[in-house]
């Protein structure tokens, strides 16, 4: 099956059946798939390895909305900016007792602490929560948040965009696919960009992975609002019963990245290698098989490293340069929207 021409360009549509077959590729077939995906990556975005310097904050840990918590947030943001961060990434619900306008208060506090810093915050579930707290529509909340300084929203919480899968993973009702799609497209429509994600390797089938990618591609065609795609291997929560064989495997992860590169080409052209989930060694492998971006450095800082959800997981510019050298590619810092810093 020839999918990619010599220049790396897609020469024909990939059917769902073909995509499912490719997700099962192994051995020489997998190496061929990854090589073709990497050729397409080179054709679409070139050889530069990009990364963003950012700092994670957990909304629940910093969003109390008191004078003390606001001062703490200002100090954390100022420290991150001083260390070179151009982005603050914030996810999670507000803590109990936070004010009704707590999400907007955080936007104002963060953007006021370091003018020009990009705030990437509020998953679809948090957008719905924020709107409900204020008694307004999600569109109105997103409009207000953008006016207050919000730059983009994380497209996380997507998991697999299939209601049965989402219910099984949550152990009960979850945000319906239709609501997730509506909230993300509304964010795009009010002028915010977002990431696109998929958490894979749990209870879903390859066909459901393909349907997920198809839906993301359709949203991208309609709104143009996705900046990048991030495929994240499922990590079981602490205490969960583990399968006899680890899942997802490196083989599966490589196949997902390569198939995503092919299916999303021309719609979402930046694919991230999720180094916090797979480690830097496997991230390098993914960057040789269709991915082009390393994502964020996830600075901890010294004031309060525990204010972020991924404390202890960070890279330095020297780490990035080492990865780029191993790949034989130049490295370049980018903005959240892939502009030059």
Protein backbone atom coordinates (compact mmCIF):
# COMPACT_ATOMS: atom_id res chain seq x y z
CA UNK A 1 0.00 0.00 0.00
CA UNK A 2 1.64 3.26 -1.13
CA UNK A 3 0.49 6.21 0.93
CA UNK A 4 3.28 8.74 0.70
CA UNK A 5 5.14 9.79 -2.42
CA UNK A 6 8.88 10.23 -2.66
CA UNK A 7 8.63 13.90 -1.68
CA UNK A 8 6.79 12.93 1.50
CA UNK A 9 3.42 14.18 0.24
CA UNK A 10 0.24 12.21 0.71
CA UNK A 11 -0.85 10.98 -2.71
CA UNK A 12 -4.22 9.55 -1.81
CA UNK A 13 -6.77 9.49 1.02
CA UNK A 14 -6.20 6.95 3.76
CA UNK A 15 -9.31 4.86 4.37
CA UNK A 16 -10.34 3.87 7.87
CA UNK A 17 -9.51 0.24 7.11
CA UNK A 18 -6.03 1.21 5.89
CA UNK A 19 -5.44 3.35 8.98
CA UNK A 20 -6.48 0.49 11.28
CA UNK A 21 -4.15 -1.86 9.42
CA UNK A 22 -1.26 0.58 9.77
CA UNK A 23 -1.85 0.92 13.52
CA UNK A 24 -0.96 -2.75 13.78
CA UNK A 25 2.27 -2.43 11.80
CA UNK A 26 5.34 -4.13 13.28
CA UNK A 27 8.85 -5.08 12.24
CA UNK A 28 9.86 -3.93 8.77
CA UNK A 29 6.34 -2.65 8.09
CA UNK A 30 6.53 -0.39 11.14
CA UNK A 31 9.95 0.94 10.15
CA UNK A 32 8.61 1.71 6.67
CA UNK A 33 5.52 3.43 8.11
CA UNK A 34 7.63 5.58 10.46
CA UNK A 35 10.07 6.49 7.68
CA UNK A 36 7.21 7.62 5.45
CA UNK A 37 5.62 9.59 8.27
CA UNK A 38 8.95 11.26 8.96
CA UNK A 39 9.33 12.16 5.29
CA UNK A 40 5.91 13.77 5.46
CA UNK A 41 6.95 15.65 8.60
CA UNK A 42 9.99 17.01 6.80
CA UNK A 43 7.89 18.04 3.82
CA UNK A 44 5.29 19.84 5.97
CA UNK A 45 7.31 21.55 8.71
CA UNK A 46 10.99 20.99 7.95
CA UNK A 47 13.75 19.63 10.17
CA UNK A 48 13.77 22.12 13.02
CA UNK A 49 13.07 20.65 16.46
CA UNK A 50 10.85 23.14 18.27
CA UNK A 51 10.08 23.58 21.97
CA UNK A 52 8.38 26.10 24.24
CA UNK A 53 9.65 27.33 27.60
CA UNK A 54 6.73 27.04 30.01
CA UNK A 55 5.68 26.60 33.61
CA UNK A 56 2.80 24.42 34.78
CA UNK A 57 0.41 25.54 37.51
CA UNK A 58 -2.34 23.41 39.05
CA UNK A 59 -5.53 25.49 39.28
CA UNK A 60 -6.64 23.66 42.42
CA UNK A 61 -3.35 24.48 44.18
CA UNK A 62 -3.15 28.16 43.24
CA UNK A 63 -6.73 29.29 42.64
CA UNK A 64 -8.09 29.98 46.11
CA UNK A 65 -8.81 33.58 45.12
CA UNK A 66 -7.52 35.09 48.36
CA UNK A 67 -5.10 38.01 48.58
CA UNK A 68 -2.43 35.59 49.79
CA UNK A 69 -2.98 33.14 46.90
CA UNK A 70 -2.97 35.94 44.33
CA UNK A 71 0.35 37.20 45.67
CA UNK A 72 1.73 33.66 45.49
CA UNK A 73 0.58 33.32 41.87
CA UNK A 74 2.14 36.66 40.94
CA UNK A 75 5.45 35.57 42.45
CA UNK A 76 5.38 32.19 40.65
CA UNK A 77 4.60 33.80 37.29
CA UNK A 78 7.26 36.48 37.74
CA UNK A 79 9.81 33.79 38.63
CA UNK A 80 8.88 31.75 35.55
CA UNK A 81 9.16 34.79 33.30
CA UNK A 82 12.52 35.60 34.84
CA UNK A 83 13.70 32.07 34.01
CA UNK A 84 12.72 32.60 30.37
CA UNK A 85 9.21 31.14 30.26
CA UNK A 86 6.92 32.55 27.58
CA UNK A 87 3.92 30.41 28.57
CA UNK A 88 2.02 29.53 31.73
CA UNK A 89 0.03 26.31 31.38
CA UNK A 90 -2.77 25.81 33.89
CA UNK A 91 -5.23 22.94 34.21
CA UNK A 92 -7.61 21.57 36.81
CA UNK A 93 -10.74 22.75 38.62
CA UNK A 94 -10.85 25.55 41.18
CA UNK A 95 -10.50 24.52 44.82
CA UNK A 96 -13.48 24.43 47.13
CA UNK A 97 -14.40 27.86 48.38
CA UNK A 98 -12.98 29.77 45.41
CA UNK A 99 -14.99 32.82 44.28
CA UNK A 100 -17.56 32.58 41.48
CA UNK A 101 -15.26 34.45 39.12
CA UNK A 102 -12.20 32.49 40.23
CA UNK A 103 -11.17 31.44 36.74
CA UNK A 104 -11.30 35.01 35.43
CA UNK A 105 -9.52 36.22 38.55
CA UNK A 106 -6.65 33.83 37.80
CA UNK A 107 -6.43 35.07 34.21
CA UNK A 108 -6.19 38.67 35.37
CA UNK A 109 -3.66 37.83 38.09
CA UNK A 110 -1.37 35.82 35.81
CA UNK A 111 -1.39 38.14 32.83
CA UNK A 112 -0.93 41.15 35.10
CA UNK A 113 2.10 39.57 36.77
CA UNK A 114 4.06 39.24 33.53
CA UNK A 115 2.65 41.29 30.66
CA UNK A 116 3.18 39.50 27.36
CA UNK A 117 3.26 36.00 28.81
CA UNK A 118 0.91 33.55 27.08
CA UNK A 119 -1.68 31.88 29.31
CA UNK A 120 -2.68 28.40 28.12
CA UNK A 121 -5.45 27.34 30.48
CA UNK A 122 -8.80 25.68 31.17
CA UNK A 123 -9.79 22.37 29.64
CA UNK A 124 -13.33 22.00 28.24
CA UNK A 125 -14.61 20.67 31.58
CA UNK A 126 -13.22 23.74 33.36
CA UNK A 127 -14.73 26.06 30.75
CA UNK A 128 -18.13 24.48 31.46
CA UNK A 129 -17.54 24.84 35.21
CA UNK A 130 -16.50 28.48 34.87
CA UNK A 131 -19.56 29.33 32.79
CA UNK A 132 -21.85 27.57 35.26
CA UNK A 133 -20.35 29.42 38.22
CA UNK A 134 -20.96 32.76 36.51
CA UNK A 135 -24.37 31.84 35.13
CA UNK A 136 -23.31 32.61 31.54
CA UNK A 137 -22.84 30.58 28.39
CA UNK A 138 -19.44 28.98 27.70
CA UNK A 139 -19.08 31.36 24.76
CA UNK A 140 -19.56 34.37 27.01
CA UNK A 141 -17.08 33.06 29.56
CA UNK A 142 -14.49 32.38 26.85
CA UNK A 143 -15.05 35.84 25.40
CA UNK A 144 -14.49 37.42 28.82
CA UNK A 145 -11.45 35.24 29.49
CA UNK A 146 -9.90 36.18 26.14
CA UNK A 147 -10.49 39.87 26.86
CA UNK A 148 -8.81 39.37 30.26
CA UNK A 149 -5.73 37.86 28.61
CA UNK A 150 -6.34 34.14 28.05
CA UNK A 151 -4.43 33.08 24.93
CA UNK A 152 -5.34 29.44 24.35
CA UNK A 153 -6.98 26.41 25.95
CA UNK A 154 -5.66 22.87 26.36
CA UNK A 155 -7.49 20.33 24.23
CA UNK A 156 -7.04 17.80 27.00
CA UNK A 157 -9.82 15.77 28.53
CA UNK A 158 -10.43 14.39 25.04
CA UNK A 159 -9.21 10.91 26.03
CA UNK A 160 -10.85 8.94 23.19
CA UNK A 161 -13.77 10.80 21.63
CA UNK A 162 -16.22 7.95 22.00
CA UNK A 163 -18.94 8.12 24.65
CA UNK A 164 -18.82 4.42 25.55
CA UNK A 165 -15.05 4.50 26.01
CA UNK A 166 -15.22 7.69 28.07
CA UNK A 167 -17.89 6.22 30.36
CA UNK A 168 -15.84 3.07 30.93
CA UNK A 169 -12.70 5.05 31.70
CA UNK A 170 -14.48 7.40 34.10
CA UNK A 171 -16.37 4.59 35.82
CA UNK A 172 -19.57 6.53 35.17
CA UNK A 173 -20.83 9.56 33.22
CA UNK A 174 -18.19 11.79 31.64
CA UNK A 175 -18.34 14.99 29.61
CA UNK A 176 -20.09 13.81 26.43
CA UNK A 177 -18.19 13.92 23.16
CA UNK A 178 -20.70 16.40 21.74
CA UNK A 179 -20.07 18.76 24.67
CA UNK A 180 -16.27 18.45 24.36
CA UNK A 181 -16.46 19.22 20.65
CA UNK A 182 -18.82 22.17 21.19
CA UNK A 183 -16.62 23.69 23.90
CA UNK A 184 -13.43 23.36 21.83
CA UNK A 185 -15.00 24.75 18.66
CA UNK A 186 -16.51 27.63 20.64
CA UNK A 187 -13.05 28.47 22.00
CA UNK A 188 -11.74 28.54 18.43
CA UNK A 189 -14.64 30.69 17.29
CA UNK A 190 -13.97 33.39 19.89
CA UNK A 191 -10.34 33.64 18.75
CA UNK A 192 -8.55 31.20 21.08
CA UNK A 193 -6.36 28.40 19.79
CA UNK A 194 -6.03 24.98 21.41
CA UNK A 195 -4.04 21.81 21.36
CA UNK A 196 -5.60 18.55 20.17
CA UNK A 197 -4.95 15.40 22.18
CA UNK A 198 -5.60 11.69 22.39
CA UNK A 199 -4.94 9.43 25.37
CA UNK A 200 -4.61 5.93 23.95
CA UNK A 201 -3.75 2.40 24.95
CA UNK A 202 -6.48 1.52 27.45
CA UNK A 203 -9.91 0.09 26.53
CA UNK A 204 -10.36 1.52 23.04
CA UNK A 205 -9.93 -0.27 19.73
CA UNK A 206 -7.77 0.81 16.78
CA UNK A 207 -10.97 1.69 14.93
CA UNK A 208 -11.93 4.08 17.75
CA UNK A 209 -8.47 5.66 17.59
CA UNK A 210 -8.99 6.26 13.88
CA UNK A 211 -12.46 7.73 14.47
CA UNK A 212 -10.94 10.06 17.08
CA UNK A 213 -8.35 11.30 14.58
CA UNK A 214 -11.04 11.75 11.92
CA UNK A 215 -13.09 13.92 14.29
CA UNK A 216 -10.08 16.08 15.20
CA UNK A 217 -9.28 16.51 11.49
CA UNK A 218 -12.88 17.57 10.81
CA UNK A 219 -12.77 20.16 13.62
CA UNK A 220 -9.46 21.46 12.31
CA UNK A 221 -10.88 21.84 8.81
CA UNK A 222 -13.85 23.77 10.18
CA UNK A 223 -12.09 26.10 12.62
CA UNK A 224 -8.34 26.05 11.94
CA UNK A 225 -7.90 26.41 15.69
CA UNK A 226 -5.64 23.50 16.61
CA UNK A 227 -1.95 24.36 16.94
CA UNK A 228 -0.63 20.83 17.52
CA UNK A 229 -1.59 17.22 18.19
CA UNK A 230 -0.36 15.35 21.26
CA UNK A 231 -0.84 11.57 21.50
CA UNK A 232 -0.33 10.51 25.11
CA UNK A 233 0.03 6.86 26.14
CA UNK A 234 -2.36 5.89 28.90
CA UNK A 235 -0.76 5.73 32.34
CA UNK A 236 -2.84 3.68 34.83
CA UNK A 237 -3.69 5.54 38.04
CA UNK A 238 -1.99 4.39 41.25
CA UNK A 239 -3.40 1.12 42.52
CA UNK A 240 -5.00 0.15 39.21
CA UNK A 241 -4.81 -3.49 38.15
CA UNK A 242 -2.22 -3.78 35.39
CA UNK A 243 -2.61 -5.99 32.32
CA UNK A 244 -0.28 -8.97 31.85
CA UNK A 245 1.60 -7.04 29.15
CA UNK A 246 2.36 -3.31 29.41
CA UNK A 247 0.07 -1.21 27.28
CA UNK A 248 0.58 0.77 25.24
CA UNK A 249 3.86 -0.57 23.96
CA UNK A 250 6.55 1.45 22.20
CA UNK A 251 5.46 -0.25 18.98
CA UNK A 252 1.90 0.97 19.42
CA UNK A 253 3.02 4.48 20.32
CA UNK A 254 5.25 4.71 17.24
CA UNK A 255 2.39 3.50 15.02
CA UNK A 256 -0.08 6.00 16.53
CA UNK A 257 2.28 8.93 15.95
CA UNK A 258 3.00 7.85 12.37
CA UNK A 259 -0.66 7.27 11.48
CA UNK A 260 -1.64 10.58 13.11
CA UNK A 261 0.98 12.38 11.00
CA UNK A 262 -0.55 10.93 7.84
CA UNK A 263 -4.21 11.43 8.81
CA UNK A 264 -3.79 14.99 10.12
CA UNK A 265 -1.47 16.27 7.39
CA UNK A 266 -2.57 19.67 6.14
CA UNK A 267 -4.97 20.07 9.06
CA UNK A 268 -2.77 19.82 12.15
CA UNK A 269 0.85 19.93 11.03
CA UNK A 270 2.66 19.97 14.36
CA UNK A 271 2.91 16.70 16.32
CA UNK A 272 4.43 16.63 19.78
CA UNK A 273 6.60 13.88 21.22
CA UNK A 274 5.20 13.61 24.78
CA UNK A 275 8.51 13.24 26.64
CA UNK A 276 6.94 13.48 30.14
CA UNK A 277 4.89 10.36 29.33
CA UNK A 278 7.45 8.30 27.39
CA UNK A 279 10.85 9.59 28.53
CA UNK A 280 13.42 11.37 26.40
CA UNK A 281 14.83 8.20 24.80
CA UNK A 282 11.47 7.13 23.37
CA UNK A 283 10.67 10.77 22.53
CA UNK A 284 13.73 10.77 20.25
CA UNK A 285 12.38 7.63 18.57
CA UNK A 286 9.03 9.36 17.99
CA UNK A 287 10.81 12.44 16.62
CA UNK A 288 12.35 10.12 14.03
CA UNK A 289 8.94 8.74 13.13
CA UNK A 290 6.71 11.71 12.39
CA UNK A 291 6.78 14.05 15.41
CA UNK A 292 8.44 17.46 15.09
CA UNK A 293 7.96 19.20 18.46
CA UNK A 294 9.28 18.46 21.95
CA UNK A 295 6.61 20.43 23.80
CA UNK A 296 7.32 22.37 26.97
CA UNK A 297 10.34 22.39 29.27
CA UNK A 298 8.00 22.46 32.31
CA UNK A 299 10.14 24.66 34.54
CA UNK A 300 9.72 23.97 38.26
CA UNK A 301 11.38 27.08 39.65
CA UNK A 302 12.53 27.36 43.25
CA UNK A 303 9.69 29.24 44.95
CA UNK A 304 7.17 26.38 44.97
CA UNK A 305 7.86 23.44 42.62
CA UNK A 306 4.77 21.63 43.95
CA UNK A 307 2.48 24.28 42.44
CA UNK A 308 2.60 22.34 39.17
CA UNK A 309 1.09 18.93 38.47
CA UNK A 310 4.28 17.51 36.93
CA UNK A 311 6.79 18.52 39.58
CA UNK A 312 10.22 17.03 38.94
CA UNK A 313 9.65 16.56 35.21
CA UNK A 314 11.57 19.32 33.47
CA UNK A 315 14.13 19.81 30.72
CA UNK A 316 16.87 22.39 30.32
CA UNK A 317 18.00 24.05 27.11
CA UNK A 318 21.11 21.87 27.34
CA UNK A 319 18.84 18.79 27.36
CA UNK A 320 17.09 20.05 24.24
CA UNK A 321 20.39 20.72 22.47
CA UNK A 322 21.55 17.20 23.30
CA UNK A 323 18.35 15.71 21.87
CA UNK A 324 18.64 17.88 18.74
CA UNK A 325 22.26 16.82 18.26
CA UNK A 326 21.29 13.15 18.50
CA UNK A 327 18.62 13.75 15.86
CA UNK A 328 20.99 15.81 13.70
CA UNK A 329 18.50 18.68 13.58
CA UNK A 330 18.61 22.31 14.67
CA UNK A 331 16.61 23.30 17.77
CA UNK A 332 14.53 26.48 18.05
CA UNK A 333 12.47 27.93 20.85
CA UNK A 334 8.92 28.76 19.74
CA UNK A 335 5.90 30.55 21.09
CA UNK A 336 2.72 28.74 22.06
CA UNK A 337 1.36 29.35 18.55
CA UNK A 338 4.62 28.28 16.87
CA UNK A 339 5.89 31.75 16.17
CA UNK A 340 9.47 32.94 16.67
CA UNK A 341 10.46 34.04 20.16
